Amino acid sequence: MSSEILVNITPQETRVAITEQGITQEFHIERNNSRGIVGNIYNGRVSRVLPGMQSAFIDIGLERAAFLHVADILEFSHGHPIRPIEQLLAEGSNILVQVVKDAIGVKGARLSTQISLAGRLLVYLPQDSHIGVSQRIEDNTEREQLRQKLINALPEDAAGGFIIRTMAETADVSELQGDINYLYKLWFDIQKRALTSPSPALLYQDLDLSLRVLRDFVDAGVDRVLVDSRETFQKMTAFIQEYMVNDAGKICHYTGVRPLFDLYGVEQEIEKSLARRVDLKSGGYVIVDQTEALTTMDVNTGGFVGFSNFADTIFKTNLEAAQVIARQLRLRNLGGIIIIDFIDMNQEDHRNAVLAEFNKALLRDKTKMTVNGFTALGLVEMTRKRTRESLAQILCEICPTCQGRGEIRSAQTVCYDILRDLMREARQFTAKEFRILASQQVIDLFLDEESQRLANLGDFIATPISLQVIASYTQEQYDVVLI
């Protein structure tokens, strides 16, 4: 399947789109003034230990302290901590930590003391001795062959453990040895800096997005990498020639007049990915609602009436939605708990087919996920690992009008609030006149549908009431002024 990676560079941000057959499948963004810190390694200082939560706050030099749970501390036995956190950490002590999740919303970054360093073919685990293979490689024979190939590539005095990435499927022993040597040197430099740097201090920063995309996404299935910045093109070329020489011919400098993302329709896809409603080709649609705790995705038939019977119409809509939802998870970078409400299906084989189609569509996703079958209520529950903010969290902010509710009170509701406030003020104060300051929509309603009620209230309180439009007011804003 034809796949291309598009890299758009501006002075303020780097944007990357991964396309298949010309259709955007993934989108990544990194802003220069707020780079993600996942993968960074710090010499931190324990600022507070919380025995009741079995966690600690660690100062790593950021505005907000990071969070370390006892489950993310290396000292373990059969998956359980050997000692409580108050026996493992002391306030004011130094600790080597790695960021596993960026700060999201009001929550600080999440840390781990279990260090891992990602290379092109391998992930190095300096504190472990285990050799593992990526779960995406399912064939047991192939897994064992890769494990043996890595063992043959390791030096006699090898220390630490490794995870073999899917990129290593076609690598030879010499390529593995190159990755091993690079990771060993990187870990040696980090340890050296840790001994001489005061805490808190940044010891290692992960690659920027333009280089991470080469390391993590360029494989045999990628035909071309297009980058629209000469400086970044030269940097990426140097990286690919040193670590990925077999893929050196794939990177190209885009010099066209038309913006790269416009040419491939990526800007339009970004706009669609911020919408609450996602239309299906059949005429159905999916509603996406993202909250702090979870994301819900609701499938509807919409204008699709089908061609045979009602059960088949629902089945076809759900099949199409399964593919679209899997793509939206990647495009929007949705994480955490995700609840999918497919249209109710009475036939067991239809439910099984939709779930199989959904799982098949999720195979493209490199992010760790777990998918449960249909619950008793007909919902599909899943989790998708969240390490960075979603697309909406990066590109958008809370609406100042509705404060994130997604709704505002109607003009009629605001009118009735004002009438109640006028009655309240008239009982407490004596005034020559009451003046209502409100938005155009509310004032228009008082001049039209609610004019009789306003006049009746004026007669009842025996005080004139005047109206004034304040253009800067939102529909919910108003003031009652005593004159």
Protein backbone atom coordinates (compact mmCIF):
# COMPACT_ATOMS: atom_id res chain seq x y z
CA MET A 1 0.00 0.00 0.00
CA SER A 2 1.43 3.37 -1.09
CA SER A 3 2.37 5.43 1.96
CA GLU A 4 3.96 8.87 2.22
CA ILE A 5 5.06 11.03 5.13
CA LEU A 6 4.64 14.80 4.78
CA VAL A 7 6.67 17.13 6.99
CA ASN A 8 5.62 20.78 7.16
CA ILE A 9 8.02 23.17 8.91
CA THR A 10 7.35 26.73 10.06
CA PRO A 11 9.38 28.81 12.55
CA GLN A 12 6.79 28.12 15.25
CA GLU A 13 5.87 24.46 14.76
CA THR A 14 6.52 21.15 13.02
CA ARG A 15 3.59 19.19 11.57
CA VAL A 16 3.70 15.66 10.21
CA ALA A 17 1.00 13.82 8.25
CA ILE A 18 1.15 10.13 7.36
CA THR A 19 -0.89 9.25 4.28
CA GLU A 20 -1.93 6.01 2.61
CA GLN A 21 -3.25 6.07 -0.95
CA GLY A 22 -3.40 9.85 -0.63
CA ILE A 23 -5.65 9.73 2.47
CA THR A 24 -4.37 11.18 5.75
CA GLN A 25 -4.18 8.45 8.39
CA GLU A 26 -2.21 10.13 11.18
CA PHE A 27 -1.33 13.66 12.16
CA HIS A 28 1.33 14.85 14.61
CA ILE A 29 2.20 18.36 15.73
CA GLU A 30 4.98 19.80 17.89
CA ARG A 31 5.25 23.47 18.79
CA ASN A 32 8.65 24.97 19.49
CA ASN A 33 7.52 26.79 22.63
CA SER A 34 5.78 23.73 24.12
CA ARG A 35 7.60 20.60 23.00
CA GLY A 36 6.37 17.37 24.53
CA ILE A 37 8.64 15.84 27.15
CA VAL A 38 7.71 12.16 26.85
CA GLY A 39 10.93 10.14 26.80
CA ASN A 40 13.00 12.86 28.48
CA ILE A 41 15.20 11.75 31.38
CA TYR A 42 15.71 14.00 34.41
CA ASN A 43 17.74 14.12 37.56
CA GLY A 44 14.79 14.93 39.81
CA ARG A 45 14.30 15.85 43.43
CA VAL A 46 11.57 14.33 45.61
CA SER A 47 9.47 17.29 46.76
CA ARG A 48 6.67 15.40 48.52
CA VAL A 49 5.81 11.80 49.42
CA LEU A 50 2.14 10.84 49.82
CA PRO A 51 1.84 7.49 51.66
CA GLY A 52 -1.95 7.59 51.47
CA MET A 53 -1.82 7.63 47.66
CA GLN A 54 1.39 5.56 47.40
CA SER A 55 2.80 8.26 45.16
CA ALA A 56 5.20 11.19 45.18
CA PHE A 57 5.64 14.56 43.52
CA ILE A 58 9.01 15.04 41.85
CA ASP A 59 10.56 18.38 40.95
CA ILE A 60 12.11 18.03 37.47
CA GLY A 61 12.55 21.75 36.84
CA LEU A 62 9.16 22.41 35.24
CA GLU A 63 6.48 24.84 36.35
CA ARG A 64 4.41 21.97 37.77
CA ALA A 65 5.77 19.04 39.79
CA ALA A 66 5.58 15.65 38.06
CA PHE A 67 3.80 12.59 39.46
CA LEU A 68 5.42 9.24 40.35
CA HIS A 69 3.29 6.29 41.47
CA VAL A 70 4.75 3.35 43.38
CA ALA A 71 3.77 1.06 40.46
CA ASP A 72 6.24 2.99 38.26
CA ILE A 73 9.18 2.48 40.62
CA LEU A 74 11.67 -0.17 39.54
CA GLU A 75 11.66 -2.17 42.81
CA PHE A 76 9.09 -4.86 42.04
CA SER A 77 8.39 -8.51 42.74
CA HIS A 78 5.87 -10.39 40.57
CA GLY A 79 4.22 -7.13 39.57
CA HIS A 80 3.85 -5.76 43.11
CA PRO A 81 6.03 -3.24 44.98
CA ILE A 82 8.32 -4.86 47.52
CA ARG A 83 8.08 -1.93 49.92
CA PRO A 84 5.67 1.00 50.38
CA ILE A 85 6.67 4.27 48.75
CA GLU A 86 7.55 5.96 52.04
CA GLN A 87 10.32 3.38 52.48
CA LEU A 88 11.58 3.82 48.93
CA LEU A 89 11.71 7.63 48.69
CA ALA A 90 12.61 10.44 51.07
CA GLU A 91 11.75 14.09 50.58
CA GLY A 92 14.70 16.09 49.29
CA SER A 93 16.51 13.08 47.82
CA ASN A 94 17.61 12.84 44.19
CA ILE A 95 16.06 10.33 41.79
CA LEU A 96 16.62 9.43 38.13
CA VAL A 97 13.27 9.49 36.30
CA GLN A 98 11.85 9.35 32.78
CA VAL A 99 8.64 11.01 31.56
CA VAL A 100 6.09 8.46 30.32
CA LYS A 101 3.13 10.83 29.92
CA ASP A 102 3.00 14.55 29.18
CA ALA A 103 1.14 16.95 31.45
CA ILE A 104 -2.49 16.92 30.30
CA GLY A 105 -4.98 19.51 31.54
CA VAL A 106 -4.46 20.11 35.25
CA LYS A 107 -2.47 16.90 35.70
CA GLY A 108 1.31 17.05 35.82
CA ALA A 109 3.61 14.81 33.81
CA ARG A 110 3.76 11.15 34.86
CA LEU A 111 7.16 9.61 35.61
CA SER A 112 8.82 6.23 35.88
CA THR A 113 12.15 5.11 37.28
CA GLN A 114 12.23 2.29 34.73
CA ILE A 115 14.38 3.86 32.01
CA SER A 116 14.00 2.91 28.35
CA LEU A 117 15.92 4.35 25.40
CA ALA A 118 14.46 4.00 21.91
CA GLY A 119 16.74 3.32 18.98
CA ARG A 120 15.90 2.66 15.38
CA LEU A 121 15.63 -1.14 15.75
CA LEU A 122 15.74 -1.72 19.50
CA VAL A 123 14.55 -0.29 22.79
CA TYR A 124 17.27 -0.51 25.44
CA LEU A 125 16.32 -1.30 29.06
CA PRO A 126 19.50 -0.57 31.05
CA GLN A 127 18.04 -1.74 34.38
CA ASP A 128 16.62 -5.00 33.02
CA SER A 129 18.09 -8.23 31.59
CA HIS A 130 15.07 -9.36 29.58
CA ILE A 131 15.07 -9.67 25.78
CA GLY A 132 11.58 -9.15 24.39
CA VAL A 133 9.99 -8.86 20.98
CA SER A 134 7.35 -6.36 19.85
CA GLN A 135 3.84 -7.71 20.30
CA ARG A 136 3.07 -6.63 16.74
CA ILE A 137 5.26 -9.52 15.55
CA GLU A 138 2.87 -12.39 16.17
CA ASP A 139 4.57 -15.37 14.49
CA ASN A 140 6.32 -17.40 17.23
CA THR A 141 8.99 -18.76 14.88
CA GLU A 142 9.87 -15.29 13.67
CA ARG A 143 9.94 -13.97 17.23
CA GLU A 144 12.43 -16.66 18.26
CA GLN A 145 14.61 -16.04 15.19
CA LEU A 146 14.76 -12.32 15.96
CA ARG A 147 15.60 -13.01 19.60
CA GLN A 148 18.44 -15.32 18.56
CA LYS A 149 19.70 -12.80 16.01
CA LEU A 150 19.91 -10.15 18.72
CA ILE A 151 21.72 -12.53 21.09
CA ASN A 152 24.31 -13.14 18.36
CA ALA A 153 24.76 -9.38 17.90
CA LEU A 154 25.31 -8.63 21.61
CA PRO A 155 28.87 -8.24 22.91
CA GLU A 156 30.14 -10.71 25.51
CA ASP A 157 29.98 -8.12 28.30
CA ALA A 158 26.44 -7.04 27.35
CA ALA A 159 24.48 -5.33 30.12
CA GLY A 160 20.80 -4.54 30.29
CA GLY A 161 17.84 -5.82 28.31
CA PHE A 162 16.30 -5.06 24.93
CA ILE A 163 12.96 -5.02 23.17
CA ILE A 164 13.13 -5.79 19.46
CA ARG A 165 11.01 -3.35 17.46
CA THR A 166 9.01 -4.25 14.34
CA MET A 167 11.54 -2.23 12.32
CA ALA A 168 14.11 -4.98 13.05
CA GLU A 169 12.24 -7.69 11.12
CA THR A 170 14.50 -7.28 8.06
CA ALA A 171 17.64 -6.02 9.84
CA ASP A 172 20.90 -7.95 9.74
CA VAL A 173 23.33 -8.53 12.63
CA SER A 174 25.56 -5.58 11.72
CA GLU A 175 22.58 -3.16 11.81
CA LEU A 176 21.58 -4.50 15.22
CA GLN A 177 25.14 -4.06 16.47
CA GLY A 178 25.12 -0.43 15.28
CA ASP A 179 21.91 0.23 17.23
CA ILE A 180 23.31 -1.53 20.32
CA ASN A 181 26.50 0.56 20.28
CA TYR A 182 24.51 3.79 19.85
CA LEU A 183 22.22 2.96 22.80
CA TYR A 184 25.11 1.89 25.04
CA LYS A 185 26.92 5.19 24.37
CA LEU A 186 23.73 7.17 24.96
CA TRP A 187 23.16 5.49 28.36
CA PHE A 188 26.82 6.02 29.33
CA ASP A 189 26.54 9.77 28.57
CA ILE A 190 23.29 10.03 30.59
CA GLN A 191 24.89 8.35 33.61
CA LYS A 192 27.91 10.62 33.34
CA ARG A 193 25.73 13.75 33.28
CA ALA A 194 23.66 12.44 36.21
CA LEU A 195 26.78 12.32 38.39
CA THR A 196 27.78 15.90 37.67
CA SER A 197 24.42 17.71 37.25
CA PRO A 198 22.61 19.23 40.23
CA SER A 199 18.94 18.32 40.58
CA PRO A 200 16.60 19.12 39.05
CA ALA A 201 18.27 18.83 35.64
CA LEU A 202 17.44 17.56 32.15
CA LEU A 203 19.84 14.74 31.29
CA TYR A 204 18.42 13.54 27.99
CA GLN A 205 15.88 14.99 25.57
CA ASP A 206 14.15 12.81 23.00
CA LEU A 207 14.52 13.62 19.31
CA ASP A 208 12.38 16.38 17.86
CA LEU A 209 9.34 15.40 15.79
CA SER A 210 11.05 15.61 12.40
CA LEU A 211 13.64 12.99 13.47
CA ARG A 212 11.27 10.89 15.61
CA VAL A 213 9.09 10.32 12.58
CA LEU A 214 12.10 8.87 10.72
CA ARG A 215 13.00 6.64 13.63
CA ASP A 216 9.49 5.44 14.43
CA PHE A 217 7.53 5.44 11.17
CA VAL A 218 9.82 4.95 8.18
CA ASP A 219 9.84 1.29 7.18
CA ALA A 220 9.53 -0.81 4.04
CA GLY A 221 5.92 0.31 3.61
CA VAL A 222 6.84 4.01 3.29
CA ASP A 223 7.54 5.11 -0.29
CA ARG A 224 8.60 8.70 0.30
CA VAL A 225 9.19 11.37 2.95
CA LEU A 226 8.47 14.91 1.70
CA VAL A 227 9.78 17.85 3.74
CA ASP A 228 9.20 21.49 2.77
CA SER A 229 12.15 23.06 4.64
CA ARG A 230 15.69 22.91 3.23
CA GLU A 231 17.32 23.19 6.66
CA THR A 232 15.17 20.39 8.12
CA PHE A 233 15.68 18.33 4.95
CA GLN A 234 19.45 18.52 5.45
CA LYS A 235 19.12 17.58 9.13
CA MET A 236 16.85 14.64 8.33
CA THR A 237 19.13 13.52 5.50
CA ALA A 238 22.15 13.47 7.83
CA PHE A 239 20.18 11.39 10.36
CA ILE A 240 18.89 8.92 7.79
CA GLN A 241 22.34 8.47 6.23
CA GLU A 242 23.86 7.68 9.62
CA TYR A 243 21.20 5.42 11.10
CA MET A 244 18.99 4.31 8.20
CA VAL A 245 21.22 4.17 5.14
CA ASN A 246 18.91 1.73 3.34
CA ASP A 247 16.12 4.33 3.42
CA ALA A 248 18.26 7.32 2.38
CA GLY A 249 16.65 7.52 -1.07
CA LYS A 250 13.16 8.01 0.37
CA ILE A 251 13.61 11.53 1.70
CA CYS A 252 12.84 14.40 -0.71
CA HIS A 253 12.84 18.18 -0.46
CA TYR A 254 9.50 19.62 -1.57
CA THR A 255 10.00 22.89 -3.47
CA GLY A 256 6.54 23.42 -4.97
CA VAL A 257 4.76 26.78 -4.84
CA ARG A 258 1.56 25.37 -3.37
CA PRO A 259 1.78 24.60 0.38
CA LEU A 260 2.50 20.91 0.96
CA PHE A 261 -0.47 20.27 3.25
CA ASP A 262 -2.83 22.05 0.85
CA LEU A 263 -1.62 19.92 -2.04
CA TYR A 264 -2.42 16.69 -0.19
CA GLY A 265 -5.62 17.93 1.46
CA VAL A 266 -4.21 17.64 4.98
CA GLU A 267 -5.46 21.06 6.11
CA GLN A 268 -9.00 20.01 5.28
CA GLU A 269 -8.57 16.74 7.22
CA ILE A 270 -7.31 18.65 10.27
CA GLU A 271 -10.40 20.84 10.16
CA LYS A 272 -12.65 17.77 9.95
CA SER A 273 -10.82 16.17 12.87
CA LEU A 274 -11.79 19.06 15.13
CA ALA A 275 -15.48 18.71 14.32
CA ARG A 276 -17.89 16.92 16.63
CA ARG A 277 -19.62 15.17 13.75
CA VAL A 278 -17.87 12.85 11.28
CA ASP A 279 -19.92 12.04 8.18
CA LEU A 280 -19.88 8.57 6.63
CA LYS A 281 -19.98 8.05 2.86
CA SER A 282 -23.21 6.07 3.19
CA GLY A 283 -25.03 9.03 4.74
CA GLY A 284 -24.62 7.97 8.36
CA TYR A 285 -22.45 9.82 10.84
CA VAL A 286 -20.44 9.48 14.06
CA ILE A 287 -20.66 11.93 16.97
CA VAL A 288 -17.42 12.32 18.95
CA ASP A 289 -17.52 13.78 22.47
CA GLN A 290 -14.24 14.12 24.34
CA THR A 291 -14.28 14.68 28.10
CA GLU A 292 -11.54 14.65 30.72
CA ALA A 293 -12.38 11.11 31.85
CA LEU A 294 -13.29 9.40 28.58
CA THR A 295 -14.30 9.77 24.95
CA THR A 296 -17.63 8.60 23.56
CA MET A 297 -18.33 7.83 19.89
CA ASP A 298 -21.96 7.42 18.86
CA VAL A 299 -22.90 5.90 15.47
CA ASN A 300 -26.11 6.98 13.70
CA THR A 301 -27.67 5.96 10.37
CA GLY A 302 -28.47 9.58 9.50
CA GLY A 303 -29.70 9.80 5.91
CA PHE A 304 -28.75 6.23 5.00
CA VAL A 305 -31.93 4.23 4.37
CA GLY A 306 -30.32 1.13 2.86
CA PHE A 307 -31.46 -1.02 -0.04
CA SER A 308 -32.91 -4.18 1.51
CA ASN A 309 -33.95 -4.48 5.16
CA PHE A 310 -33.41 -2.51 8.35
CA ALA A 311 -30.95 -5.02 9.90
CA ASP A 312 -28.68 -4.85 6.82
CA THR A 313 -28.82 -1.04 6.82
CA ILE A 314 -27.62 -0.95 10.43
CA PHE A 315 -24.97 -3.61 9.74
CA LYS A 316 -23.49 -1.72 6.76
CA THR A 317 -23.48 1.57 8.67
CA ASN A 318 -21.65 -0.04 11.61
CA LEU A 319 -19.09 -1.69 9.30
CA GLU A 320 -18.26 1.64 7.71
CA ALA A 321 -18.21 3.37 11.10
CA ALA A 322 -15.75 0.78 12.47
CA GLN A 323 -13.15 1.80 9.87
CA VAL A 324 -13.81 5.51 10.28
CA ILE A 325 -13.60 5.36 14.09
CA ALA A 326 -10.24 3.54 13.96
CA ARG A 327 -8.90 6.31 11.69
CA GLN A 328 -10.33 9.07 13.87
CA LEU A 329 -8.60 7.62 16.94
CA ARG A 330 -5.26 8.07 15.16
CA LEU A 331 -6.02 11.44 13.59
CA ARG A 332 -7.32 12.96 16.82
CA ASN A 333 -4.81 11.06 19.01
CA LEU A 334 -7.59 10.09 21.40
CA GLY A 335 -6.47 8.23 24.50
CA GLY A 336 -7.70 6.85 27.79
CA ILE A 337 -11.10 5.15 28.05
CA ILE A 338 -13.12 5.14 24.82
CA ILE A 339 -16.77 4.03 24.64
CA ILE A 340 -18.23 3.25 21.20
CA ASP A 341 -21.99 3.08 20.79
CA PHE A 342 -22.60 1.24 17.53
CA ILE A 343 -26.20 1.06 16.35
CA ASP A 344 -27.92 -1.85 18.12
CA MET A 345 -27.67 -5.14 16.21
CA ASN A 346 -29.86 -8.10 17.08
CA GLN A 347 -27.91 -10.69 15.11
CA GLU A 348 -24.84 -12.19 16.81
CA ASP A 349 -22.99 -12.72 13.52
CA HIS A 350 -23.42 -9.02 12.67
CA ARG A 351 -21.92 -7.98 16.03
CA ASN A 352 -19.00 -10.37 15.55
CA ALA A 353 -18.36 -9.11 12.02
CA VAL A 354 -18.37 -5.45 13.12
CA LEU A 355 -15.99 -6.19 16.01
CA ALA A 356 -13.67 -8.14 13.67
CA GLU A 357 -13.69 -5.25 11.18
CA PHE A 358 -12.91 -2.79 13.96
CA ASN A 359 -9.99 -4.87 15.27
CA LYS A 360 -8.66 -5.23 11.71
CA ALA A 361 -8.79 -1.46 11.18
CA LEU A 362 -6.95 -0.91 14.49
CA LEU A 363 -3.95 -2.96 13.31
CA ARG A 364 -2.58 0.16 11.60
CA ASP A 365 -2.33 1.89 14.98
CA LYS A 366 1.09 1.70 16.65
CA THR A 367 -0.31 2.86 20.00
CA LYS A 368 -0.98 0.23 22.65
CA MET A 369 -4.68 -0.62 22.94
CA THR A 370 -7.07 -3.08 24.53
CA VAL A 371 -10.51 -3.73 23.01
CA ASN A 372 -13.33 -5.51 24.79
CA GLY A 373 -16.30 -7.06 23.02
CA PHE A 374 -19.87 -5.80 23.17
CA THR A 375 -21.16 -5.27 26.69
CA ALA A 376 -24.66 -6.16 27.89
CA LEU A 377 -25.70 -2.63 26.92
CA GLY A 378 -24.36 -3.08 23.38
CA LEU A 379 -21.34 -0.81 23.87
CA VAL A 380 -17.74 -1.50 22.85
CA GLU A 381 -15.27 -0.49 25.56
CA MET A 382 -11.59 0.06 24.79
CA THR A 383 -8.53 1.86 26.06
CA ARG A 384 -5.81 3.56 24.03
CA LYS A 385 -2.57 4.57 25.68
CA ARG A 386 -2.41 8.31 26.22
CA THR A 387 1.08 9.80 26.35
CA ARG A 388 0.48 13.19 24.74
CA GLU A 389 -2.41 15.62 24.45
CA SER A 390 -5.05 14.98 21.82
CA LEU A 391 -5.26 17.07 18.66
CA ALA A 392 -8.12 19.15 20.07
CA GLN A 393 -6.24 19.79 23.31
CA ILE A 394 -3.24 21.10 21.34
CA LEU A 395 -5.09 23.20 18.77
CA CYS A 396 -8.10 24.41 20.78
CA GLU A 397 -8.94 25.99 24.11
CA ILE A 398 -12.02 26.11 26.34
CA CYS A 399 -14.78 28.24 24.81
CA PRO A 400 -14.99 31.51 26.79
CA THR A 401 -18.74 31.68 26.17
CA CYS A 402 -19.89 28.25 27.34
CA GLN A 403 -16.81 27.42 29.50
CA GLY A 404 -16.48 24.02 27.88
CA ARG A 405 -20.10 22.90 28.33
CA GLY A 406 -20.74 22.87 24.60
CA GLU A 407 -24.03 24.69 25.16
CA ILE A 408 -25.22 28.15 26.21
CA ARG A 409 -28.49 29.20 27.78
CA SER A 410 -31.09 30.28 25.23
CA ALA A 411 -31.94 33.95 24.79
CA GLN A 412 -35.38 33.24 26.24
CA THR A 413 -33.86 31.68 29.37
CA VAL A 414 -31.64 34.75 29.83
CA CYS A 415 -34.69 37.02 29.40
CA TYR A 416 -36.49 35.24 32.22
CA ASP A 417 -33.36 35.45 34.42
CA ILE A 418 -33.33 39.20 33.84
CA LEU A 419 -37.01 39.55 34.72
CA ARG A 420 -36.41 37.72 38.00
CA ASP A 421 -33.41 39.95 38.77
CA LEU A 422 -35.47 43.08 38.05
CA MET A 423 -38.12 41.92 40.53
CA ARG A 424 -35.44 41.18 43.13
CA GLU A 425 -33.75 44.58 42.68
CA ALA A 426 -37.06 46.47 42.78
CA ARG A 427 -37.91 44.93 46.16
CA GLN A 428 -34.56 45.96 47.66
CA PHE A 429 -33.86 49.34 46.06
CA THR A 430 -35.74 52.42 44.89
CA ALA A 431 -34.64 53.72 41.50
CA LYS A 432 -35.80 56.23 38.93
CA GLU A 433 -35.13 53.76 36.17
CA PHE A 434 -33.83 50.22 35.62
CA ARG A 435 -31.60 49.74 32.58
CA ILE A 436 -30.98 46.28 31.07
CA LEU A 437 -27.57 45.82 29.45
CA ALA A 438 -27.49 42.65 27.33
CA SER A 439 -26.54 41.09 24.00
CA GLN A 440 -28.32 41.88 20.75
CA GLN A 441 -30.21 38.55 20.77
CA VAL A 442 -31.65 39.13 24.26
CA ILE A 443 -32.61 42.75 23.59
CA ASP A 444 -34.31 41.73 20.33
CA LEU A 445 -36.37 39.19 22.24
CA PHE A 446 -37.43 41.84 24.77
CA LEU A 447 -38.51 44.08 21.89
CA ASP A 448 -40.51 41.34 20.24
CA GLU A 449 -41.84 38.15 21.90
CA GLU A 450 -41.16 39.20 25.50
CA SER A 451 -42.20 42.86 25.14
CA GLN A 452 -45.56 42.34 26.88
CA ARG A 453 -43.97 40.60 29.88
CA LEU A 454 -41.42 43.39 30.21
CA ALA A 455 -44.15 46.03 30.04
CA ASN A 456 -46.25 44.20 32.64
CA LEU A 457 -43.28 44.02 35.01
CA GLY A 458 -42.58 47.75 34.54
CA ASP A 459 -46.16 48.53 35.50
CA PHE A 460 -46.00 46.17 38.49
CA ILE A 461 -42.84 47.73 39.98
CA ALA A 462 -43.93 51.23 38.89
CA THR A 463 -40.49 52.01 37.49
CA PRO A 464 -39.45 52.64 33.86
CA ILE A 465 -37.28 49.93 32.26
CA SER A 466 -34.92 50.77 29.37
CA LEU A 467 -32.85 48.53 27.11
CA GLN A 468 -29.28 48.87 25.84
CA VAL A 469 -27.32 46.54 23.56
CA ILE A 470 -23.69 45.83 24.56
CA ALA A 471 -21.99 44.37 21.50
CA SER A 472 -19.19 42.74 23.49
CA TYR A 473 -21.59 40.74 25.69
CA THR A 474 -22.13 37.06 25.01
CA GLN A 475 -25.69 35.74 24.95
CA GLU A 476 -25.48 34.71 28.63
CA GLN A 477 -24.05 38.01 29.86
CA TYR A 478 -26.23 40.84 31.18
CA ASP A 479 -26.38 43.56 33.82
CA VAL A 480 -29.27 45.36 35.51
CA VAL A 481 -28.26 48.95 36.28
CA LEU A 482 -30.09 51.22 38.75
CA ILE A 483 -30.37 54.86 37.63
